Amino acid sequence: MISDLIGAGLRNPEIAQRLVISEATVKTHINNLFAKAGFHSRADAVRYVLSLMP
């Protein structure tokens, strides 16, 4: 879910508001996602999400 919102170009505060969670929680989820997926930047994550779209 957060990866989809990153791919849509939303910033952390926008993601937090959309999911009704704190911005700190968003940052934690993003850091965990980056670590597990081996992303080094938000751009890496966006490229990956966009590559999954038809």
C-alpha atoms as a PDB file:
ATOM      1  CA  MET A   1       0.000   0.000   0.000  1.00  0.00           C
ATOM      2  CA  ILE A   2       2.693   2.524   0.937  1.00  0.00           C
ATOM      3  CA  SER A   3       4.725   1.490  -2.099  1.00  0.00           C
ATOM      4  CA  ASP A   4       1.702   2.273  -4.299  1.00  0.00           C
ATOM      5  CA  LEU A   5       1.397   5.719  -2.750  1.00  0.00           C
ATOM      6  CA  ILE A   6       5.124   6.373  -3.211  1.00  0.00           C
ATOM      7  CA  GLY A   7       4.734   5.311  -6.834  1.00  0.00           C
ATOM      8  CA  ALA A   8       1.853   7.737  -7.197  1.00  0.00           C
ATOM      9  CA  GLY A   9       4.251  10.498  -6.163  1.00  0.00           C
ATOM     10  CA  LEU A  10       2.812  11.248  -2.729  1.00  0.00           C
ATOM     11  CA  ARG A  11       5.093  12.709  -0.069  1.00  0.00           C
ATOM     12  CA  ASN A  12       5.306  11.319   3.451  1.00  0.00           C
ATOM     13  CA  PRO A  13       2.809  13.796   4.977  1.00  0.00           C
ATOM     14  CA  GLU A  14       0.325  13.026   2.201  1.00  0.00           C
ATOM     15  CA  ILE A  15       0.751   9.275   2.706  1.00  0.00           C
ATOM     16  CA  ALA A  16       0.265   9.681   6.454  1.00  0.00           C
ATOM     17  CA  GLN A  17      -2.910  11.654   5.942  1.00  0.00           C
ATOM     18  CA  ARG A  18      -4.287   9.215   3.370  1.00  0.00           C
ATOM     19  CA  LEU A  19      -3.636   6.191   5.626  1.00  0.00           C
ATOM     20  CA  VAL A  20      -4.520   8.000   8.871  1.00  0.00           C
ATOM     21  CA  ILE A  21      -1.158   7.178  10.466  1.00  0.00           C
ATOM     22  CA  SER A  22       1.661   9.363  11.737  1.00  0.00           C
ATOM     23  CA  GLU A  23       4.406  10.605   9.477  1.00  0.00           C
ATOM     24  CA  ALA A  24       6.904   8.781  11.713  1.00  0.00           C
ATOM     25  CA  THR A  25       5.071   5.517  10.994  1.00  0.00           C
ATOM     26  CA  VAL A  26       5.241   6.229   7.267  1.00  0.00           C
ATOM     27  CA  LYS A  27       8.998   6.824   7.544  1.00  0.00           C
ATOM     28  CA  THR A  28       9.422   3.552   9.441  1.00  0.00           C
ATOM     29  CA  HIS A  29       7.510   1.616   6.792  1.00  0.00           C
ATOM     30  CA  ILE A  30       9.472   3.262   3.989  1.00  0.00           C
ATOM     31  CA  ASN A  31      12.805   2.531   5.671  1.00  0.00           C
ATOM     32  CA  ASN A  32      11.787  -1.108   6.161  1.00  0.00           C
ATOM     33  CA  LEU A  33      10.658  -1.344   2.537  1.00  0.00           C
ATOM     34  CA  PHE A  34      13.922   0.140   1.287  1.00  0.00           C
ATOM     35  CA  ALA A  35      15.998  -2.208   3.444  1.00  0.00           C
ATOM     36  CA  LYS A  36      14.098  -5.345   2.387  1.00  0.00           C
ATOM     37  CA  ALA A  37      13.968  -4.439  -1.298  1.00  0.00           C
ATOM     38  CA  GLY A  38      17.501  -3.089  -1.503  1.00  0.00           C
ATOM     39  CA  PHE A  39      16.396   0.371  -2.613  1.00  0.00           C
ATOM     40  CA  HIS A  40      18.838   3.197  -2.050  1.00  0.00           C
ATOM     41  CA  SER A  41      16.462   6.042  -2.770  1.00  0.00           C
ATOM     42  CA  ARG A  42      12.834   6.961  -3.225  1.00  0.00           C
ATOM     43  CA  ALA A  43      13.521   7.113  -6.966  1.00  0.00           C
ATOM     44  CA  ASP A  44      14.548   3.425  -6.902  1.00  0.00           C
ATOM     45  CA  ALA A  45      11.244   2.567  -5.229  1.00  0.00           C
ATOM     46  CA  VAL A  46       9.241   4.629  -7.715  1.00  0.00           C
ATOM     47  CA  ARG A  47      10.998   3.009 -10.683  1.00  0.00           C
ATOM     48  CA  TYR A  48      10.260  -0.423  -9.255  1.00  0.00           C
ATOM     49  CA  VAL A  49       6.577   0.289  -8.623  1.00  0.00           C
ATOM     50  CA  LEU A  50       6.178   1.802 -12.089  1.00  0.00           C
ATOM     51  CA  SER A  51       7.803  -1.261 -13.643  1.00  0.00           C
ATOM     52  CA  LEU A  52       5.024  -3.394 -12.147  1.00  0.00           C
ATOM     53  CA  MET A  53       2.262  -1.347 -13.744  1.00  0.00           C
ATOM     54  CA  PRO A  54       0.829  -2.548 -17.051  1.00  0.00           C
END
